[in-house]
Amino acid sequence: MRTTVNLDEDIFRITRSLAEETNSSLGAVLSLLVRKGLAAEAAGAFRVWGCRQVTDACLLGLAVNKGGRLVTMDKKMEELVKDDPVSASHLLVIGSEA
């Protein structure tokens, strides 16, 4: 289906980068990310509280994919990965009581 959507600049850059890396279309990457997000939420895997967590969740996915690490001050991100040890190992929340 063809449609027009407005994306935040950071989300556009991230999805465009994923599309280039996987030799996929932007639409295919967006569809995959939405499907994964909907499936995870339906399974109760996580709860995102706002646009910052959406951005951090995308960046965390990239960190996992590229073997990097996301550093954030958002303590709510710990809740996002509490049942996912792989993602948790790529997340560093600074200022937390860990």
Protein backbone atom coordinates (compact mmCIF):
# COMPACT_ATOMS: atom_id res chain seq x y z
CA MET A 1 0.00 0.00 0.00
CA ARG A 2 1.30 3.42 -0.87
CA THR A 3 0.86 6.27 1.61
CA THR A 4 2.56 9.39 2.93
CA VAL A 5 3.73 9.71 6.53
CA ASN A 6 5.63 12.37 8.45
CA LEU A 7 8.57 11.02 10.47
CA ASP A 8 10.67 12.73 13.08
CA GLU A 9 14.12 13.44 11.66
CA ASP A 10 15.92 11.06 14.03
CA ILE A 11 13.55 8.19 13.21
CA PHE A 12 13.98 8.86 9.49
CA ARG A 13 17.79 8.74 9.79
CA ILE A 14 17.70 5.51 11.79
CA THR A 15 15.26 3.73 9.46
CA ARG A 16 17.04 4.99 6.35
CA SER A 17 20.32 3.67 7.76
CA LEU A 18 18.75 0.28 8.49
CA ALA A 19 17.28 0.19 4.98
CA GLU A 20 20.67 0.89 3.41
CA GLU A 21 22.43 -1.68 5.60
CA THR A 22 19.92 -4.41 4.80
CA ASN A 23 19.42 -3.41 1.15
CA SER A 24 15.71 -2.97 1.87
CA SER A 25 13.23 -0.24 1.13
CA LEU A 26 12.35 2.33 3.77
CA GLY A 27 8.77 1.03 3.72
CA ALA A 28 9.92 -2.54 4.34
CA VAL A 29 12.04 -1.45 7.32
CA LEU A 30 9.22 0.63 8.79
CA SER A 31 6.77 -2.25 8.36
CA LEU A 32 9.17 -4.66 10.07
CA LEU A 33 9.80 -2.30 12.99
CA VAL A 34 6.08 -1.65 13.48
CA ARG A 35 5.31 -5.38 13.33
CA LYS A 36 8.00 -6.13 15.91
CA GLY A 37 6.81 -3.34 18.15
CA LEU A 38 3.18 -4.43 17.96
CA ALA A 39 4.06 -8.08 18.55
CA ALA A 40 6.23 -7.20 21.54
CA GLU A 41 3.58 -4.98 23.05
CA ALA A 42 0.88 -7.59 22.48
CA ALA A 43 3.10 -10.09 24.28
CA GLY A 44 3.58 -7.61 27.13
CA ALA A 45 7.30 -7.42 26.42
CA PHE A 46 7.66 -3.71 27.07
CA ARG A 47 5.97 -0.43 27.60
CA VAL A 48 7.30 2.73 25.99
CA TRP A 49 6.34 5.89 27.84
CA GLY A 50 7.03 8.59 25.27
CA CYS A 51 8.88 9.71 22.18
CA ARG A 52 12.24 9.66 23.98
CA GLN A 53 11.83 5.99 24.85
CA VAL A 54 10.84 5.22 21.25
CA THR A 55 14.06 6.86 20.07
CA ASP A 56 16.11 5.12 22.76
CA ALA A 57 14.47 1.78 21.90
CA CYS A 58 15.44 2.21 18.23
CA LEU A 59 18.97 3.23 19.21
CA LEU A 60 19.21 0.25 21.55
CA GLY A 61 18.18 -2.03 18.70
CA LEU A 62 20.97 -0.57 16.59
CA ALA A 63 23.43 -1.00 19.46
CA VAL A 64 22.48 -4.66 19.78
CA ASN A 65 22.68 -5.15 16.01
CA LYS A 66 26.09 -3.46 15.72
CA GLY A 67 27.59 -4.77 18.96
CA GLY A 68 27.61 -1.32 20.53
CA ARG A 69 26.20 0.19 23.68
CA LEU A 70 23.49 2.75 24.35
CA VAL A 71 24.24 5.14 27.19
CA THR A 72 21.26 7.05 28.54
CA MET A 73 20.09 8.83 31.65
CA ASP A 74 16.53 7.52 31.21
CA LYS A 75 16.00 5.05 34.05
CA LYS A 76 12.77 3.84 32.45
CA MET A 77 14.90 2.09 29.83
CA GLU A 78 15.87 -0.45 32.48
CA GLU A 79 12.21 -1.51 32.62
CA LEU A 80 12.24 -1.91 28.85
CA VAL A 81 15.01 -4.55 28.96
CA LYS A 82 14.30 -6.24 32.29
CA ASP A 83 13.29 -9.52 30.61
CA ASP A 84 15.81 -9.29 27.76
CA PRO A 85 19.37 -10.03 28.93
CA VAL A 86 20.85 -9.55 25.45
CA SER A 87 19.48 -6.02 25.13
CA ALA A 88 20.27 -5.29 28.77
CA SER A 89 23.93 -6.09 28.13
CA HIS A 90 23.99 -3.30 25.50
CA LEU A 91 22.39 -0.70 27.77
CA LEU A 92 24.10 1.55 30.29
CA VAL A 93 21.88 3.83 32.34
CA ILE A 94 24.02 6.44 34.01
CA GLY A 95 22.91 7.81 37.31
CA SER A 96 21.08 4.60 38.29
CA GLU A 97 21.56 2.84 41.60
CA ALA A 98 23.12 -0.25 40.06
